[in-house]
Amino acid sequence: MAEDAKNRSDAWTALMPNQAIAAVNLLTPPLGAAAAASAMGLGIASQMWGFWAGAMAGAFGANLKTAEADGSRVSADVDDLKTIIRGTAATASADVLEAPARPKAVVVDTASVQPATPDASAQANDLKRISGIGPKLEQVLNGMGIRTYAQIAGWTAEDVARVDDELKFGGRILRDDWVGQANLLMGKP
């Protein structure tokens, strides 16, 4: 068997020029070294990836803990923003919201809402015609007892701020000018 292997290697070496036979023996260790270096490089790269991923996960976790600890600061900012919105509603649109001959709005607390009677739904307006009110929001407003343009047109600055606060709109009622739109839909300028 050893003789077979020797004959095979002799057959290969017979095909090569004499200068290349020595070079083949010299290439064997560098190829092995390159393979070992590649394996080590992949091992080191995977270790570095694990280190980086762990560091990022730790940073995200620390950020979440910091955000939870600062929760009181965030709620204080929200309270300040609500105060600004209410102040703006009272001063900037007082002339629009407080027309002399408007009836007061009747807004029912959501806890005491009774199911609508057939007569009440017959008198209800299509609140979706007011820009910013869609089908879902119309259902929510109906659940709060707000069904007509006259109710919205009669809102005071406090009513706008209270409904805006309940719906968590952040001033959207004023920006979309629901009161002005309701007046236009009722035929009032």
C-alpha atoms as a PDB file:
ATOM      1  CA  MET A   1       0.000   0.000   0.000  1.00  0.00           C
ATOM      2  CA  ALA A   2       2.841   2.392   0.794  1.00  0.00           C
ATOM      3  CA  GLU A   3       4.245   1.465  -2.574  1.00  0.00           C
ATOM      4  CA  ASP A   4       0.952   2.526  -4.237  1.00  0.00           C
ATOM      5  CA  ALA A   5       1.088   5.935  -2.568  1.00  0.00           C
ATOM      6  CA  LYS A   6       4.702   6.362  -3.592  1.00  0.00           C
ATOM      7  CA  ASN A   7       3.824   5.494  -7.184  1.00  0.00           C
ATOM      8  CA  ARG A   8       0.974   8.009  -7.181  1.00  0.00           C
ATOM      9  CA  SER A   9       3.132  10.798  -5.814  1.00  0.00           C
ATOM     10  CA  ASP A  10       5.809   9.879  -8.314  1.00  0.00           C
ATOM     11  CA  ALA A  11       3.207  10.130 -11.060  1.00  0.00           C
ATOM     12  CA  TRP A  12       2.313  13.657 -10.002  1.00  0.00           C
ATOM     13  CA  THR A  13       5.852  14.764  -9.555  1.00  0.00           C
ATOM     14  CA  ALA A  14       6.709  13.356 -12.951  1.00  0.00           C
ATOM     15  CA  LEU A  15       4.220  15.787 -14.486  1.00  0.00           C
ATOM     16  CA  MET A  16       5.700  18.829 -12.707  1.00  0.00           C
ATOM     17  CA  PRO A  17       8.867  20.626 -13.570  1.00  0.00           C
ATOM     18  CA  ASN A  18      11.734  19.956 -11.178  1.00  0.00           C
ATOM     19  CA  GLN A  19      11.648  23.490  -9.715  1.00  0.00           C
ATOM     20  CA  ALA A  20       7.953  23.174  -8.745  1.00  0.00           C
ATOM     21  CA  ILE A  21       8.396  19.966  -6.734  1.00  0.00           C
ATOM     22  CA  ALA A  22      10.299  21.796  -4.000  1.00  0.00           C
ATOM     23  CA  ALA A  23       7.817  24.680  -4.028  1.00  0.00           C
ATOM     24  CA  VAL A  24       4.863  22.337  -3.385  1.00  0.00           C
ATOM     25  CA  ASN A  25       6.423  21.208  -0.132  1.00  0.00           C
ATOM     26  CA  LEU A  26       7.010  24.830   0.858  1.00  0.00           C
ATOM     27  CA  LEU A  27       3.334  25.808   0.292  1.00  0.00           C
ATOM     28  CA  THR A  28       1.891  23.239   2.682  1.00  0.00           C
ATOM     29  CA  PRO A  29       2.715  25.050   5.979  1.00  0.00           C
ATOM     30  CA  PRO A  30       1.541  28.526   4.817  1.00  0.00           C
ATOM     31  CA  LEU A  31      -1.822  27.099   3.645  1.00  0.00           C
ATOM     32  CA  GLY A  32      -2.294  25.448   7.024  1.00  0.00           C
ATOM     33  CA  ALA A  33      -1.351  28.686   8.766  1.00  0.00           C
ATOM     34  CA  ALA A  34      -3.848  30.638   6.649  1.00  0.00           C
ATOM     35  CA  ALA A  35      -6.609  28.181   7.504  1.00  0.00           C
ATOM     36  CA  ALA A  36      -5.784  28.436  11.204  1.00  0.00           C
ATOM     37  CA  ALA A  37      -5.685  32.228  11.031  1.00  0.00           C
ATOM     38  CA  SER A  38      -9.066  32.286   9.302  1.00  0.00           C
ATOM     39  CA  ALA A  39     -10.574  30.078  11.997  1.00  0.00           C
ATOM     40  CA  MET A  40      -9.086  32.242  14.731  1.00  0.00           C
ATOM     41  CA  GLY A  41     -10.282  35.392  12.971  1.00  0.00           C
ATOM     42  CA  LEU A  42     -13.837  34.065  12.826  1.00  0.00           C
ATOM     43  CA  GLY A  43     -13.646  33.129  16.507  1.00  0.00           C
ATOM     44  CA  ILE A  44     -12.423  36.587  17.485  1.00  0.00           C
ATOM     45  CA  ALA A  45     -15.043  38.256  15.273  1.00  0.00           C
ATOM     46  CA  SER A  46     -17.841  36.262  16.899  1.00  0.00           C
ATOM     47  CA  GLN A  47     -16.504  37.174  20.355  1.00  0.00           C
ATOM     48  CA  MET A  48     -16.476  40.856  19.412  1.00  0.00           C
ATOM     49  CA  TRP A  49     -20.026  40.607  18.066  1.00  0.00           C
ATOM     50  CA  GLY A  50     -21.151  39.066  21.359  1.00  0.00           C
ATOM     51  CA  PHE A  51     -19.400  41.815  23.304  1.00  0.00           C
ATOM     52  CA  TRP A  52     -21.001  44.546  21.171  1.00  0.00           C
ATOM     53  CA  ALA A  53     -24.490  43.015  21.344  1.00  0.00           C
ATOM     54  CA  GLY A  54     -24.213  42.682  25.130  1.00  0.00           C
ATOM     55  CA  ALA A  55     -23.077  46.288  25.475  1.00  0.00           C
ATOM     56  CA  MET A  56     -25.999  47.519  23.368  1.00  0.00           C
ATOM     57  CA  ALA A  57     -28.501  45.457  25.368  1.00  0.00           C
ATOM     58  CA  GLY A  58     -27.066  46.860  28.594  1.00  0.00           C
ATOM     59  CA  ALA A  59     -27.294  50.414  27.282  1.00  0.00           C
ATOM     60  CA  PHE A  60     -30.925  49.950  26.245  1.00  0.00           C
ATOM     61  CA  GLY A  61     -31.764  48.452  29.636  1.00  0.00           C
ATOM     62  CA  ALA A  62     -30.119  51.350  31.469  1.00  0.00           C
ATOM     63  CA  ASN A  63     -32.010  53.823  29.272  1.00  0.00           C
ATOM     64  CA  LEU A  64     -35.337  52.161  30.136  1.00  0.00           C
ATOM     65  CA  LYS A  65     -34.561  52.255  33.876  1.00  0.00           C
ATOM     66  CA  THR A  66     -33.643  55.939  33.618  1.00  0.00           C
ATOM     67  CA  ALA A  67     -36.872  56.725  31.764  1.00  0.00           C
ATOM     68  CA  GLU A  68     -38.911  54.909  34.433  1.00  0.00           C
ATOM     69  CA  ALA A  69     -37.130  56.826  37.195  1.00  0.00           C
ATOM     70  CA  ASP A  70     -37.869  60.177  35.475  1.00  0.00           C
ATOM     71  CA  GLY A  71     -41.608  59.428  35.095  1.00  0.00           C
ATOM     72  CA  SER A  72     -42.561  62.245  37.477  1.00  0.00           C
ATOM     73  CA  ARG A  73     -40.686  64.763  35.314  1.00  0.00           C
ATOM     74  CA  VAL A  74     -42.574  63.618  32.217  1.00  0.00           C
ATOM     75  CA  SER A  75     -45.973  63.925  33.912  1.00  0.00           C
ATOM     76  CA  ALA A  76     -45.043  67.402  35.160  1.00  0.00           C
ATOM     77  CA  ASP A  77     -44.249  68.389  31.560  1.00  0.00           C
ATOM     78  CA  VAL A  78     -47.622  67.053  30.434  1.00  0.00           C
ATOM     79  CA  ASP A  79     -49.374  69.027  33.181  1.00  0.00           C
ATOM     80  CA  ASP A  80     -47.538  72.196  32.093  1.00  0.00           C
ATOM     81  CA  LEU A  81     -48.606  71.578  28.501  1.00  0.00           C
ATOM     82  CA  LYS A  82     -52.252  71.157  29.549  1.00  0.00           C
ATOM     83  CA  THR A  83     -52.079  74.466  31.421  1.00  0.00           C
ATOM     84  CA  ILE A  84     -50.667  76.202  28.341  1.00  0.00           C
ATOM     85  CA  ILE A  85     -53.380  74.721  26.115  1.00  0.00           C
ATOM     86  CA  ARG A  86     -56.131  75.763  28.512  1.00  0.00           C
ATOM     87  CA  GLY A  87     -54.693  79.270  28.786  1.00  0.00           C
ATOM     88  CA  THR A  88     -54.493  79.551  25.012  1.00  0.00           C
ATOM     89  CA  ALA A  89     -58.053  78.297  24.677  1.00  0.00           C
ATOM     90  CA  ALA A  90     -59.302  80.874  27.155  1.00  0.00           C
ATOM     91  CA  THR A  91     -57.475  83.878  25.691  1.00  0.00           C
ATOM     92  CA  ALA A  92     -56.918  83.289  21.966  1.00  0.00           C
ATOM     93  CA  SER A  93     -60.372  82.113  21.038  1.00  0.00           C
ATOM     94  CA  ALA A  94     -62.534  83.817  23.655  1.00  0.00           C
ATOM     95  CA  ASP A  95     -64.091  86.060  21.017  1.00  0.00           C
ATOM     96  CA  VAL A  96     -64.924  83.071  18.777  1.00  0.00           C
ATOM     97  CA  LEU A  97     -66.145  80.799  21.535  1.00  0.00           C
ATOM     98  CA  GLU A  98     -68.229  83.272  23.523  1.00  0.00           C
ATOM     99  CA  ALA A  99     -70.878  84.634  21.163  1.00  0.00           C
ATOM    100  CA  PRO A 100     -73.668  86.355  23.139  1.00  0.00           C
ATOM    101  CA  ALA A 101     -76.726  84.454  21.858  1.00  0.00           C
ATOM    102  CA  ARG A 102     -75.398  80.882  22.027  1.00  0.00           C
ATOM    103  CA  PRO A 103     -76.996  78.255  24.213  1.00  0.00           C
ATOM    104  CA  LYS A 104     -74.817  76.517  26.783  1.00  0.00           C
ATOM    105  CA  ALA A 105     -73.495  73.121  25.761  1.00  0.00           C
ATOM    106  CA  VAL A 106     -74.913  70.106  27.478  1.00  0.00           C
ATOM    107  CA  VAL A 107     -72.121  67.633  28.028  1.00  0.00           C
ATOM    108  CA  VAL A 108     -72.822  64.495  29.997  1.00  0.00           C
ATOM    109  CA  ASP A 109     -70.154  62.844  32.132  1.00  0.00           C
ATOM    110  CA  THR A 110     -69.058  59.554  30.538  1.00  0.00           C
ATOM    111  CA  ALA A 111     -69.777  57.655  33.764  1.00  0.00           C
ATOM    112  CA  SER A 112     -73.444  58.616  33.743  1.00  0.00           C
ATOM    113  CA  VAL A 113     -74.207  58.134  30.047  1.00  0.00           C
ATOM    114  CA  GLN A 114     -77.474  56.351  29.351  1.00  0.00           C
ATOM    115  CA  PRO A 115     -78.136  54.535  26.071  1.00  0.00           C
ATOM    116  CA  ALA A 116     -79.527  56.848  23.410  1.00  0.00           C
ATOM    117  CA  THR A 117     -83.264  56.844  22.954  1.00  0.00           C
ATOM    118  CA  PRO A 118     -84.744  56.659  19.454  1.00  0.00           C
ATOM    119  CA  ASP A 119     -85.897  60.318  19.764  1.00  0.00           C
ATOM    120  CA  ALA A 120     -82.374  61.505  20.657  1.00  0.00           C
ATOM    121  CA  SER A 121     -80.793  59.746  17.685  1.00  0.00           C
ATOM    122  CA  ALA A 122     -83.457  61.198  15.343  1.00  0.00           C
ATOM    123  CA  GLN A 123     -82.346  64.739  16.335  1.00  0.00           C
ATOM    124  CA  ALA A 124     -78.614  63.984  16.137  1.00  0.00           C
ATOM    125  CA  ASN A 125     -76.525  65.684  13.472  1.00  0.00           C
ATOM    126  CA  ASP A 126     -73.870  64.022  11.334  1.00  0.00           C
ATOM    127  CA  LEU A 127     -70.830  65.098  13.350  1.00  0.00           C
ATOM    128  CA  LYS A 128     -68.542  63.531  10.742  1.00  0.00           C
ATOM    129  CA  ARG A 129     -69.141  66.625   8.591  1.00  0.00           C
ATOM    130  CA  ILE A 130     -66.877  68.531  11.012  1.00  0.00           C
ATOM    131  CA  SER A 131     -63.296  68.219   9.789  1.00  0.00           C
ATOM    132  CA  GLY A 132     -61.339  66.115  12.274  1.00  0.00           C
ATOM    133  CA  ILE A 133     -64.267  63.935  13.365  1.00  0.00           C
ATOM    134  CA  GLY A 134     -64.469  60.468  11.882  1.00  0.00           C
ATOM    135  CA  PRO A 135     -66.869  57.574  12.487  1.00  0.00           C
ATOM    136  CA  LYS A 136     -65.096  56.300  15.622  1.00  0.00           C
ATOM    137  CA  LEU A 137     -64.780  59.758  17.158  1.00  0.00           C
ATOM    138  CA  GLU A 138     -68.426  60.456  16.391  1.00  0.00           C
ATOM    139  CA  GLN A 139     -69.343  57.328  18.388  1.00  0.00           C
ATOM    140  CA  VAL A 140     -67.170  58.495  21.295  1.00  0.00           C
ATOM    141  CA  LEU A 141     -68.756  61.963  21.231  1.00  0.00           C
ATOM    142  CA  ASN A 142     -72.242  60.429  21.082  1.00  0.00           C
ATOM    143  CA  GLY A 143     -71.290  58.307  24.094  1.00  0.00           C
ATOM    144  CA  MET A 144     -70.369  61.529  25.903  1.00  0.00           C
ATOM    145  CA  GLY A 145     -73.815  62.962  25.046  1.00  0.00           C
ATOM    146  CA  ILE A 146     -72.612  65.242  22.252  1.00  0.00           C
ATOM    147  CA  ARG A 147     -74.894  64.682  19.254  1.00  0.00           C
ATOM    148  CA  THR A 148     -75.645  68.048  17.649  1.00  0.00           C
ATOM    149  CA  TYR A 149     -73.859  70.966  16.035  1.00  0.00           C
ATOM    150  CA  ALA A 150     -75.588  73.295  18.495  1.00  0.00           C
ATOM    151  CA  GLN A 151     -73.907  71.564  21.420  1.00  0.00           C
ATOM    152  CA  ILE A 152     -70.457  71.988  19.890  1.00  0.00           C
ATOM    153  CA  ALA A 153     -71.186  75.550  18.739  1.00  0.00           C
ATOM    154  CA  GLY A 154     -72.152  76.461  22.309  1.00  0.00           C
ATOM    155  CA  TRP A 155     -68.901  75.279  23.897  1.00  0.00           C
ATOM    156  CA  THR A 156     -67.025  77.747  26.066  1.00  0.00           C
ATOM    157  CA  ALA A 157     -63.234  77.781  26.366  1.00  0.00           C
ATOM    158  CA  GLU A 158     -63.545  75.615  29.479  1.00  0.00           C
ATOM    159  CA  ASP A 159     -65.758  73.120  27.638  1.00  0.00           C
ATOM    160  CA  VAL A 160     -63.240  72.879  24.793  1.00  0.00           C
ATOM    161  CA  ALA A 161     -60.378  72.359  27.261  1.00  0.00           C
ATOM    162  CA  ARG A 162     -62.317  69.730  29.239  1.00  0.00           C
ATOM    163  CA  VAL A 163     -63.384  67.696  26.182  1.00  0.00           C
ATOM    164  CA  ASP A 164     -59.903  68.037  24.669  1.00  0.00           C
ATOM    165  CA  ASP A 165     -58.425  66.785  27.946  1.00  0.00           C
ATOM    166  CA  GLU A 166     -60.877  63.857  28.168  1.00  0.00           C
ATOM    167  CA  LEU A 167     -60.121  62.800  24.598  1.00  0.00           C
ATOM    168  CA  LYS A 168     -56.368  63.446  25.073  1.00  0.00           C
ATOM    169  CA  PHE A 169     -56.162  65.465  21.846  1.00  0.00           C
ATOM    170  CA  GLY A 170     -53.558  68.022  22.893  1.00  0.00           C
ATOM    171  CA  GLY A 171     -55.372  71.064  21.450  1.00  0.00           C
ATOM    172  CA  ARG A 172     -56.764  69.427  18.315  1.00  0.00           C
ATOM    173  CA  ILE A 173     -60.278  70.787  18.898  1.00  0.00           C
ATOM    174  CA  LEU A 174     -58.969  74.354  18.710  1.00  0.00           C
ATOM    175  CA  ARG A 175     -56.637  73.639  15.783  1.00  0.00           C
ATOM    176  CA  ASP A 176     -59.468  72.112  13.742  1.00  0.00           C
ATOM    177  CA  ASP A 177     -61.891  74.851  14.957  1.00  0.00           C
ATOM    178  CA  TRP A 178     -64.782  72.521  15.725  1.00  0.00           C
ATOM    179  CA  VAL A 179     -66.822  75.381  17.218  1.00  0.00           C
ATOM    180  CA  GLY A 180     -66.488  77.511  14.082  1.00  0.00           C
ATOM    181  CA  GLN A 181     -67.278  74.568  11.819  1.00  0.00           C
ATOM    182  CA  ALA A 182     -70.354  73.701  13.886  1.00  0.00           C
ATOM    183  CA  ASN A 183     -71.578  77.315  13.548  1.00  0.00           C
ATOM    184  CA  LEU A 184     -71.106  77.178   9.778  1.00  0.00           C
ATOM    185  CA  LEU A 185     -72.967  73.871   9.554  1.00  0.00           C
ATOM    186  CA  MET A 186     -75.831  75.401  11.531  1.00  0.00           C
ATOM    187  CA  GLY A 187     -75.952  78.293   9.054  1.00  0.00           C
ATOM    188  CA  LYS A 188     -74.401  80.872  11.390  1.00  0.00           C
ATOM    189  CA  PRO A 189     -71.415  82.927  10.209  1.00  0.00           C
END
